[in-house]
Protein backbone atom coordinates (compact mmCIF):
# COMPACT_ATOMS: atom_id res chain seq x y z
CA MET A 1 -37.87 2.15 24.14
CA LYS A 2 -34.21 3.34 23.14
CA ASP A 3 -32.86 6.53 20.96
CA PRO A 4 -31.94 6.38 17.66
CA VAL A 5 -28.11 4.98 16.42
CA PHE A 6 -26.55 7.60 14.65
CA VAL A 7 -24.82 6.77 10.73
CA ILE A 8 -22.28 9.33 9.93
CA HIS A 9 -20.86 8.50 6.34
CA GLY A 10 -16.87 9.21 5.44
CA VAL A 11 -15.39 10.37 2.42
CA ALA A 12 -16.53 11.18 -1.37
CA ASN A 13 -20.54 10.32 0.20
CA ARG A 14 -22.29 13.69 -1.59
CA ASP A 15 -25.66 11.93 -2.53
CA ARG A 16 -27.83 12.82 0.54
CA ASP A 17 -31.10 10.35 -0.18
CA GLU A 18 -28.36 7.84 -1.58
CA PHE A 19 -26.71 7.29 1.89
CA THR A 20 -30.07 7.90 3.43
CA ALA A 21 -30.84 3.75 1.47
CA THR A 22 -27.69 2.81 2.35
CA VAL A 23 -28.89 3.78 6.26
CA ALA A 24 -32.34 2.31 6.11
CA ALA A 25 -30.85 -1.15 4.52
CA LEU A 26 -28.50 -1.37 7.63
CA ALA A 27 -30.80 -0.74 9.52
CA ALA A 28 -33.37 -3.28 8.58
CA ALA A 29 -30.16 -5.80 8.34
CA THR A 30 -29.21 -4.95 12.30
CA GLU A 31 -32.83 -4.35 13.51
CA VAL A 32 -32.27 -1.32 15.08
CA ASP A 33 -33.53 2.00 14.18
CA MET A 34 -30.97 4.57 13.03
CA VAL A 35 -30.66 8.27 11.62
CA PRO A 36 -28.30 9.34 8.92
CA VAL A 37 -25.67 11.70 9.46
CA HIS A 38 -25.05 13.29 6.27
CA TRP A 39 -22.33 16.19 5.67
CA GLY A 40 -21.65 15.53 2.66
CA ASP A 41 -21.89 18.78 0.68
CA LEU A 42 -18.97 20.19 2.87
CA GLY A 43 -17.47 17.62 2.06
CA ALA A 44 -14.38 18.40 -1.28
CA ARG A 45 -15.48 19.79 -4.14
CA ASP A 46 -14.05 16.32 -6.40
CA ARG A 47 -16.15 16.44 -9.90
CA PHE A 48 -13.34 17.55 -11.53
CA VAL A 49 -10.45 15.40 -9.34
CA ALA A 50 -9.20 13.04 -12.13
CA ALA A 51 -8.40 16.18 -14.37
CA ALA A 52 -5.23 15.71 -11.54
CA LEU A 53 -4.36 12.27 -11.67
CA PRO A 54 -0.88 12.30 -14.69
CA THR A 55 -2.20 10.19 -17.74
CA ARG A 56 0.36 7.55 -19.53
CA ARG A 57 1.26 7.81 -23.38
CA THR A 58 0.48 4.79 -25.46
CA GLY A 59 1.71 4.34 -28.91
CA PRO A 60 5.02 4.94 -30.49
CA GLU A 61 6.33 8.96 -29.55
CA THR A 62 7.37 10.96 -32.45
CA LEU A 63 10.26 12.58 -31.68
CA ARG A 64 12.19 15.05 -34.00
CA ASP A 65 15.70 14.95 -34.95
CA GLY A 66 17.97 15.39 -32.14
CA GLU A 67 15.23 14.99 -29.50
CA GLU A 68 15.64 12.25 -26.50
CA PRO A 69 12.66 10.25 -25.22
CA GLU A 70 11.57 11.31 -21.51
CA PRO A 71 13.98 9.71 -18.76
CA PRO A 72 11.73 7.38 -16.95
CA GLY A 73 11.94 7.10 -13.29
CA ALA A 74 15.17 6.21 -11.68
CA PRO A 75 16.13 2.91 -10.33
CA GLU A 76 15.90 4.17 -6.80
CA ASP A 77 11.83 5.11 -7.27
CA PHE A 78 11.18 1.60 -8.28
CA ALA A 79 13.25 0.63 -5.52
CA ALA A 80 11.81 2.50 -3.07
CA VAL A 81 8.19 0.76 -4.02
CA LEU A 82 9.20 -2.03 -5.09
CA LEU A 83 11.57 -3.85 -3.61
CA PRO A 84 10.80 -5.06 0.38
CA GLY A 85 14.04 -4.04 2.40
CA PRO A 86 17.91 -3.44 2.26
CA VAL A 87 20.50 -5.46 -0.18
CA ASP A 88 22.79 -7.14 0.64
CA GLU A 89 24.94 -7.04 -2.41
CA GLN A 90 26.97 -10.60 -0.61
CA ARG A 91 24.27 -12.47 -0.71
CA GLN A 92 23.47 -10.98 -4.38
CA LEU A 93 26.54 -12.61 -5.59
CA GLU A 94 26.48 -15.05 -3.73
CA GLN A 95 23.46 -15.81 -6.05
CA VAL A 96 24.78 -14.97 -9.28
CA ASP A 97 27.75 -17.20 -8.26
CA ALA A 98 25.88 -19.89 -7.64
CA ALA A 99 24.27 -19.85 -10.90
CA VAL A 100 27.24 -19.14 -13.11
CA ARG A 101 28.97 -22.19 -11.80
CA ALA A 102 26.21 -24.36 -11.97
CA GLN A 103 25.97 -23.01 -16.08
CA LEU A 104 29.38 -23.65 -16.34
CA ASP A 105 29.47 -27.38 -14.94
CA ALA A 106 26.65 -28.05 -17.75
CA GLY A 107 27.73 -26.60 -20.18
CA GLY A 108 25.65 -25.74 -23.47
CA ASP A 109 22.50 -27.05 -24.59
CA GLY A 110 23.67 -29.42 -27.21
CA GLU A 111 24.51 -27.82 -29.69
CA ASP A 112 27.64 -26.39 -30.53
CA GLU A 113 29.30 -28.66 -27.87
CA GLU A 114 32.86 -28.78 -29.38
CA LEU A 115 32.91 -25.17 -29.23
CA ARG A 116 31.59 -24.26 -25.83
CA GLU A 117 33.61 -27.88 -24.50
CA GLY A 118 36.64 -25.38 -25.26
CA ALA A 119 35.36 -22.06 -24.16
CA ARG A 120 34.05 -23.95 -20.70
CA ASP A 121 37.60 -25.03 -20.10
CA ALA A 122 38.71 -21.48 -20.62
CA LEU A 123 36.35 -20.26 -17.85
CA ASP A 124 38.05 -20.00 -14.81
CA PRO A 125 34.20 -18.99 -12.40
CA ASP A 126 36.68 -17.52 -9.84
CA GLU A 127 37.54 -15.07 -12.59
CA VAL A 128 34.44 -14.85 -13.79
CA LEU A 129 32.69 -13.60 -10.33
CA GLU A 130 36.29 -11.23 -9.95
CA TYR A 131 35.30 -9.61 -12.90
CA VAL A 132 30.80 -9.66 -11.99
CA ARG A 133 32.12 -8.00 -8.87
CA GLU A 134 34.60 -5.03 -10.35
CA ALA A 135 31.46 -4.45 -12.81
CA TRP A 136 27.91 -5.19 -10.20
CA ALA A 137 28.11 -1.51 -8.79
CA ASP A 138 28.19 0.25 -12.23
CA THR A 139 24.90 -1.58 -12.73
CA GLU A 140 21.96 0.68 -12.20
CA TRP A 141 19.41 -1.97 -11.57
CA LEU A 142 20.64 -5.32 -11.11
CA ARG A 143 22.68 -4.17 -7.63
CA LEU A 144 19.00 -3.07 -6.46
CA THR A 145 17.43 -6.42 -6.97
CA VAL A 146 16.67 -8.55 -4.02
CA ASP A 147 14.73 -11.05 -6.42
CA PRO A 148 16.87 -14.61 -6.02
CA GLN A 149 14.71 -16.12 -9.20
CA LEU A 150 15.88 -12.87 -11.00
CA LEU A 151 19.73 -12.91 -9.86
CA SER A 152 19.85 -16.99 -10.52
CA GLU A 153 18.73 -15.71 -13.82
CA VAL A 154 21.85 -13.06 -14.56
CA GLY A 155 24.13 -16.06 -13.51
CA ARG A 156 22.89 -18.84 -15.76
CA SER A 157 22.91 -15.88 -18.89
CA LEU A 158 25.63 -14.45 -18.07
CA ALA A 159 27.42 -17.67 -18.03
CA ARG A 160 25.34 -18.84 -21.33
CA SER A 161 26.98 -15.62 -23.29
CA LEU A 162 30.57 -16.43 -21.99
CA LEU A 163 29.81 -19.85 -23.30
CA ASP A 164 28.91 -18.70 -26.65
CA GLY A 165 31.02 -15.54 -26.53
CA PHE A 166 34.10 -17.36 -28.47
CA ASP A 167 35.46 -19.41 -30.26
CA PRO A 168 39.10 -20.50 -28.64
CA ASP A 169 40.51 -22.30 -31.85
CA GLY A 170 38.17 -19.68 -33.95
CA GLU A 171 39.84 -15.56 -35.29
CA ASP A 172 36.76 -14.67 -34.04
CA ALA A 173 36.65 -11.42 -31.45
CA TYR A 174 37.69 -12.96 -28.48
CA HIS A 175 40.57 -15.11 -29.86
CA GLY A 176 43.44 -15.97 -27.88
CA LEU A 177 41.02 -15.20 -24.62
CA ARG A 178 41.98 -19.04 -24.11
CA GLY A 179 45.56 -18.14 -23.81
CA GLY A 180 47.50 -17.04 -20.61
CA GLY A 181 47.97 -13.40 -19.43
CA ALA A 182 47.63 -9.88 -19.44
CA ASP A 183 45.56 -9.78 -23.00
CA ARG A 184 43.51 -12.54 -22.30
CA ARG A 185 42.48 -11.14 -18.99
CA GLY A 186 41.43 -8.25 -19.97
CA ARG A 187 39.39 -9.76 -22.94
CA LEU A 188 37.66 -12.00 -20.09
CA ARG A 189 36.77 -8.49 -18.07
CA ALA A 190 35.92 -7.04 -21.20
CA LEU A 191 33.57 -9.58 -22.40
CA VAL A 192 31.79 -9.87 -18.43
CA ARG A 193 31.32 -6.37 -17.90
CA ARG A 194 29.62 -5.73 -21.59
CA ARG A 195 27.65 -9.13 -21.20
CA LEU A 196 26.36 -7.71 -17.25
CA THR A 197 25.60 -4.59 -18.81
CA ASP A 198 23.50 -5.60 -21.10
CA LEU A 199 21.55 -7.79 -18.63
CA ASP A 200 21.07 -4.81 -16.84
CA ARG A 201 19.55 -2.83 -19.44
CA VAL A 202 17.44 -5.75 -19.72
CA ALA A 203 16.47 -5.86 -16.44
CA GLY A 204 15.68 -1.61 -16.25
CA ALA A 205 13.87 -2.63 -19.15
CA SER A 206 11.27 -4.63 -17.91
CA ALA A 207 11.29 -3.18 -14.76
CA GLN A 208 10.11 0.41 -16.42
CA ALA A 209 7.54 -1.19 -18.29
CA VAL A 210 6.07 -3.08 -15.20
CA GLY A 211 6.32 -0.51 -12.58
CA GLY A 212 5.08 1.88 -15.69
CA ARG A 213 2.06 -0.34 -16.52
CA LEU A 214 1.39 -0.92 -12.60
CA ASN A 215 1.42 2.86 -11.51
CA HIS A 216 -0.77 3.57 -14.25
CA ALA A 217 -3.25 0.54 -13.29
CA VAL A 218 -3.27 1.09 -9.78
CA ARG A 219 -3.63 5.48 -10.44
CA ASN A 220 -6.71 4.38 -12.61
CA ARG A 221 -8.32 2.52 -10.72
CA PHE A 222 -7.63 3.73 -7.02
CA GLY A 223 -6.06 7.18 -7.55
CA ALA A 224 -9.76 9.13 -8.29
CA ASP A 225 -10.81 7.39 -5.17
CA VAL A 226 -7.97 8.04 -2.63
CA MET A 227 -8.24 11.61 -3.91
CA ARG A 228 -11.88 12.29 -2.86
CA PHE A 229 -10.83 11.26 0.36
CA LEU A 230 -7.58 13.02 0.99
CA GLY A 231 -9.80 16.26 -0.71
CA ASP A 232 -12.66 15.39 1.87
CA VAL A 233 -9.95 15.00 5.10
CA LEU A 234 -8.75 18.38 3.97
CA VAL A 235 -11.66 20.27 4.09
CA TYR A 236 -12.60 18.48 7.33
CA GLN A 237 -9.65 19.77 8.86
CA ARG A 238 -9.53 23.45 7.84
CA HIS A 239 -14.07 23.50 8.33
CA GLN A 240 -13.91 20.76 11.31
CA ALA A 241 -17.03 23.08 12.90
CA ALA A 242 -19.17 23.21 10.04
CA VAL A 243 -18.80 19.55 9.96
CA HIS A 244 -19.62 19.09 14.12
CA ALA A 245 -21.93 21.86 14.32
CA ARG A 246 -24.02 19.27 11.22
CA VAL A 247 -23.70 16.32 13.49
CA ARG A 248 -24.94 17.98 16.21
CA GLN A 249 -27.55 19.78 14.45
CA VAL A 250 -29.04 16.31 13.32
CA ILE A 251 -29.19 14.85 16.57
CA ASP A 252 -31.09 17.85 18.11
CA ALA A 253 -33.51 17.42 15.29
CA VAL A 254 -33.87 14.22 17.22
CA ASP A 255 -33.67 15.20 20.70
CA PRO A 256 -31.55 18.25 21.86
CA GLY A 257 -30.53 16.79 25.35
CA LEU A 258 -28.89 14.25 23.62
CA GLY A 259 -25.16 13.29 24.05
CA ARG A 260 -25.08 16.66 26.01
CA SER A 261 -24.30 14.77 29.51
CA PRO A 262 -23.77 11.28 30.31
CA SER A 263 -27.12 11.08 32.00
CA ARG A 264 -28.56 11.00 27.59
CA PRO A 265 -25.57 9.36 25.67
CA VAL A 266 -25.94 8.87 22.06
CA ARG A 267 -24.66 6.08 20.25
CA VAL A 268 -23.12 6.49 17.14
CA VAL A 269 -22.20 3.81 13.94
CA ALA A 270 -19.39 5.72 11.67
CA HIS A 271 -17.19 4.62 8.45
CA SER A 272 -14.13 5.55 7.26
CA LEU A 273 -13.51 9.94 8.21
CA GLY A 274 -16.72 9.95 9.69
CA GLY A 275 -15.12 7.80 12.39
CA VAL A 276 -12.68 9.95 13.17
CA ILE A 277 -15.33 12.72 13.04
CA ALA A 278 -17.06 10.66 16.26
CA VAL A 279 -13.93 10.31 17.84
CA ASP A 280 -13.26 14.00 17.62
CA MET A 281 -16.82 15.01 19.07
CA ALA A 282 -16.80 12.45 21.57
CA THR A 283 -13.44 13.22 22.91
CA ALA A 284 -13.76 17.19 22.31
CA THR A 285 -13.21 19.50 25.13
CA VAL A 286 -17.04 19.64 24.93
CA PRO A 287 -17.84 16.22 23.59
CA LEU A 288 -20.46 14.57 22.39
CA TRP A 289 -21.14 11.77 25.38
CA THR A 290 -21.15 8.38 23.25
CA GLU A 291 -22.65 5.75 25.20
CA SER A 292 -20.44 2.77 22.55
CA LEU A 293 -19.17 3.75 18.98
CA VAL A 294 -18.93 1.29 16.14
CA THR A 295 -15.99 2.55 13.40
CA PHE A 296 -15.23 0.31 10.06
CA GLY A 297 -12.35 1.34 7.72
CA SER A 298 -11.38 4.55 9.59
CA GLN A 299 -8.33 6.15 10.32
CA SER A 300 -8.59 7.92 13.88
CA ALA A 301 -5.59 6.04 15.35
CA PHE A 302 -3.90 7.02 12.14
CA PHE A 303 -4.60 10.63 12.97
CA HIS A 304 -3.92 10.82 15.99
CA VAL A 305 -0.36 8.96 16.04
CA CYS A 306 0.40 11.85 12.99
CA ASP A 307 -1.12 14.73 14.57
CA PRO A 308 -2.62 14.70 17.96
CA ARG A 309 -6.29 15.50 17.83
CA GLY A 310 -5.87 17.82 21.08
CA GLY A 311 -9.65 17.34 22.73
CA GLN A 312 -9.16 15.86 26.00
CA VAL A 313 -6.78 13.47 24.56
CA ALA A 314 -2.75 13.81 25.49
CA PRO A 315 -0.72 13.01 22.76
CA TYR A 316 0.47 9.68 21.69
CA ASP A 317 4.45 9.04 22.99
CA GLY A 318 4.59 5.56 21.31
CA GLY A 319 4.64 4.09 24.82
CA SER A 320 1.25 2.95 26.38
CA PRO A 321 -1.86 4.08 24.66
CA VAL A 322 -3.38 7.32 25.34
CA ALA A 323 -6.34 7.53 27.92
CA LEU A 324 -9.62 8.93 26.50
CA PRO A 325 -12.12 10.68 28.87
CA PRO A 326 -15.63 9.35 30.04
CA SER A 327 -17.40 11.16 27.21
CA LEU A 328 -16.54 8.45 24.93
CA GLY A 329 -17.82 4.75 27.01
CA GLY A 330 -17.19 1.78 24.47
CA TRP A 331 -15.61 1.86 21.08
CA THR A 332 -15.72 -1.33 18.19
CA ASN A 333 -13.40 -0.69 15.63
CA LEU A 334 -13.85 -3.33 12.18
CA TRP A 335 -11.14 -3.43 9.42
CA GLU A 336 -10.59 -5.31 6.34
CA PRO A 337 -7.27 -6.88 5.34
CA LEU A 338 -7.37 -5.01 2.05
CA ASP A 339 -8.94 -1.72 2.64
CA MET A 340 -5.47 0.39 3.04
CA LEU A 341 -7.49 3.43 4.22
CA ALA A 342 -8.72 1.03 7.65
CA PHE A 343 -5.89 1.39 11.34
CA ALA A 344 -6.36 -0.28 14.22
CA ALA A 345 -7.47 1.77 17.02
CA SER A 346 -6.38 -0.73 20.30
CA LYS A 347 -2.31 0.09 20.44
CA VAL A 348 -3.16 3.76 20.63
CA PHE A 349 -6.22 4.28 22.89
CA LEU A 350 -6.91 3.26 26.39
CA LEU A 351 -10.82 3.50 27.32
CA HIS A 352 -11.95 5.28 30.47
CA ASP A 353 -12.46 2.08 32.34
CA GLY A 354 -9.10 0.66 31.25
CA THR A 355 -9.98 -2.07 28.30
CA VAL A 356 -9.04 -1.10 25.28
CA PRO A 357 -11.33 -0.25 21.74
CA VAL A 358 -12.40 -3.69 20.22
CA ASP A 359 -10.10 -4.02 16.88
CA LEU A 360 -11.67 -6.62 14.73
CA PRO A 361 -10.56 -7.76 11.71
CA VAL A 362 -13.57 -8.46 8.89
CA ARG A 363 -12.68 -11.42 6.21
CA HIS A 364 -12.01 -10.52 2.68
CA GLN A 365 -14.64 -11.59 0.24
CA ALA A 366 -13.33 -12.05 -3.49
CA SER A 367 -16.99 -10.03 -4.71
CA THR A 368 -15.90 -7.29 -3.02
CA GLY A 369 -12.22 -6.85 -5.38
CA MET A 370 -9.34 -4.84 -4.41
CA TRP A 371 -11.14 -1.62 -3.56
CA THR A 372 -12.54 -2.45 -0.05
CA HIS A 373 -13.04 0.75 1.70
CA SER A 374 -16.31 0.86 0.28
CA ALA A 375 -17.56 -2.62 0.87
CA TYR A 376 -18.40 -2.81 5.03
CA TRP A 377 -21.88 -1.33 4.16
CA ASP A 378 -23.37 -4.72 2.51
CA LEU A 379 -21.32 -7.13 4.52
CA PRO A 380 -23.42 -9.25 6.74
CA TYR A 381 -20.59 -9.41 9.36
CA VAL A 382 -19.82 -5.99 9.98
CA ALA A 383 -24.06 -5.82 10.02
CA SER A 384 -23.98 -8.46 12.85
CA VAL A 385 -21.69 -6.76 14.91
CA ILE A 386 -23.43 -3.20 15.07
CA GLY A 387 -26.20 -4.89 15.34
CA ASP A 388 -24.77 -6.80 18.71
CA VAL A 389 -23.11 -3.51 19.85
CA MET A 390 -26.53 -1.19 19.26
CA ARG A 391 -28.77 -3.86 20.97
CA ARG A 392 -26.78 -5.62 23.61
CA GLY A 393 -23.89 -3.13 24.27
CA ARG A 394 -21.31 -5.82 23.80
CA PRO A 395 -19.32 -6.77 20.25
CA ALA A 396 -19.69 -9.88 18.22
CA ARG A 397 -15.83 -11.86 18.01
CA ALA A 398 -14.40 -11.97 15.26
CA GLU A 399 -14.30 -14.17 11.97
């Protein structure tokens, strides 16, 4: 009869009884004898983490005379988060220009068509684009966007506002625009700049409103979970020896000889930071000899490329994978595509036998929602992989 599998939890597991019940359910699903390793009482004090999360003001602001509202984030702050890559100004202006020309060619919407016909005759698309180019660099938000639909709407809106902005035969503020000379050019240049500035303000207000609400929603939905993760990571980095001693204590309670030599290796299942703990112990100078390891939603590779873990593992130099010692025999690593705290292992590490850890994707299920880091425990596929590895020593196929 094989020795039991030791299950190490990840972050924010403070309730020992709850974790014991979770492991019992996993053991039943896999038909593998399991022992829970609970170290959550050594983790971060996360009771009040919500106190550190910023709150978003709602409702109208009440300002005293002479006060200004607190300015929102700078455009570059939003761009760094929301934009997918570098901005090509030439491409931006081409999209704006195409929309301007299309709108000027189309004219208006049937209302005041005679006025629009006169305005359309007075507007040269090349001249309009010349003034757009001059003003574009002074915009705060539009110059940062790469969204073709937004750029096209800017071009259409600009053209429509120019068509509506003057009556070539009237006595309004733009009278004389149709005539030649510098006065006409100056009026058109000013009108283009003014309308582009207006559109830039609208784009900025929209981006800030959406960005602010998104930031608030993400913080409220995921902020506490992420902070608990970071809190336990910080505590583990400082108190690694105490956490390792707890794992060793649980193993010793089953059999003091387990994991102390290649003749009596242990089998381990670990979630999240528990996977980091398991790999750290298996590759330490005095290792926990591990026959089979299954991790899910874990970060060992990420931590190692950022801050080499030490022990028997060399730093990763960006080239070949780092060789793991024989004290870590086999490693299967599962990751869920929406789990922001899950990382692959096969590009960073190489097992002692020359193979790489087996990275297996876990199909996303809509019922798990957006925060999937804790969903692995209840997924049949995860239980299937664990059962295959621990009973037969080989991983299941990817879904």
